[in-house]
Amino acid sequence: MIYLVMNNNFYSNIGNDIKNSLNEGLRTGDFRGLNDAINNSVRSVVNEAAGEIKNEFDRRSSRDFVKTTTGQKPYSTYAEAEEYANMLKERRRAHNEAKRQAEAERDLYREQKRALRRQQKYEMKLREENLPVKFNPVGKTAGTACVIGGIAGTCIFGARTLLAAVGVLFTSATVTSLILPGVLLAASLGVMKYGLVQKGMLERAKKFAQLAGDKMYIQISSLAASLGLKAGRVQKDVRKMLQKGYFPEGYLDEDGTTLMLSDDVYKQYETTMKNAESARTEELRQEALADEMMQQALSKLEPSLHEEFTTMAVYGRESIDKLHALNDDIPGEGISKKLDSLEVILREIFNCLLEHPEQMNRMSKLMDYYLPTMIKLVEAYAEYDKMSNPGADIIDAKKQIESTLDTINEAFIQLHNNLFRDSVWDVTTDAQVLQTVLKQEGLTKDKVE
């Protein structure tokens, strides 16, 4: 704001001129002098004010004023003015950039808070529903609205339909008066039925998730048995639920027998299926190799011995598979190692039998007594191991079986060596004869004289 500084004498002179002109006008009745005095006074004030404004403007434009009030170095050339303008422009740009960054950070913070609130709301809903899995209550609001609207429509249009029917029976009303309320009544019933179906599916979906529990998966047959429904209907419901999105991380296996409610569980399922497929491929390869070895073994025997040898080989393979299955069912680490050793030595025995079918006459005790008795003992151990509170006699029996398995393992190793002692002897003899012939021919360092 610019303040005009005028001396007191200036205002005093103007006042005296106006006062004298007024007295003269009152005395003579001619006020033209007063009018001229006022106009002169106004012009004097305006001129004085203009001079003061010009002086103030010059003062504020001076280098000293700029220096003392802004703290900036005053500029007297165009280059200095442009530099100062660029500096101010850079400051404004930096300020605007900082402002935009602050707004972006504020928006990000707000979005994170909203996401956190959504997650908390979702988790609270899960706790309220007592569901251990991710669940989307599809149709909850729509189903409730349809049921309420359907009930209201049924009551209203049912009454109108009844009144229309009474009118047709007891008055001159036509049958066509029943059409509109009847159609609206049927539509209301349809809406109510749709809402009930939606609510029923929602409740079944919740029940499925609760039955799956923390395992995050459950067999369709188990769901059907728990709810008293047919497996086909449960499977159909599960497919609809997955299609509509009740379970955001839900999957149904390829055979339609298992419902999985977690991405992690599904990944484990995929891994298991891949491993099972690899194991099955390896099993088929082993079976094909065994069949090939069987045919080679049979070609070395007389036809009359083919049936006996085939029965012996098949029984041996079945016994090994049964031993392996029993081992999988028994959780104990110590006995599992013993059963693993038995399985390995039995495989070696029967593989060697396929390579040397002429030794089949030495397998009678193994086939008739050792092998079936060993399987019987392992089956008994598996049954005892399932008991939650075994008595002292059961515990002693399990210890006795474990000790007997050690003895059987040693016996099978010795049996393996005895069964093929002749073949080992033949190989050793052939090696010695070959060394002797090579020495006689002078093909070794030690020549025979």
Foldseek 3Di string as FASTA:
>chain_A
DADQDDDPVLVVVLVVQLVVLVVVCVVVVDNPSNVVSVVVNVVVVVVSVVVSVVVVVVVCPDQVNCCVPVVDRDDDDPVVVVVVVVVVVVVVVVVVVVVVVVVVVVVVVVVVVVVVVVVVVQVVVCVVLVFPFRFDLPLPVQLVVLQVQLVVQLVVLVVQLVVLVVCVVPHVDDPVSNPVSVVSNVVSPVSNVVSVVSVVLSVLLSVVRVVCPPVQKDWLVVSCVVVVHDSVVSLVSVVVCVVSCRQVAWDADPVSTMIGRHVVVVVVVVVVVVVVVVVVVVVVVVVVVVVVLLVVLVVVDDPVCNVVLVVVLVVLVVLLVLLVVLLVLAPDPLVNVLSVLVSVLSVVQSVVCSVPVVLVVLCVCVVPPLSVVLSVLSVLLSVLRPDPDDDPVSVVSNVVNSVVSVVSSVVSVVSSCVSCVVVVVVVVVVVVVVVVVCQPVVNDPNHDD
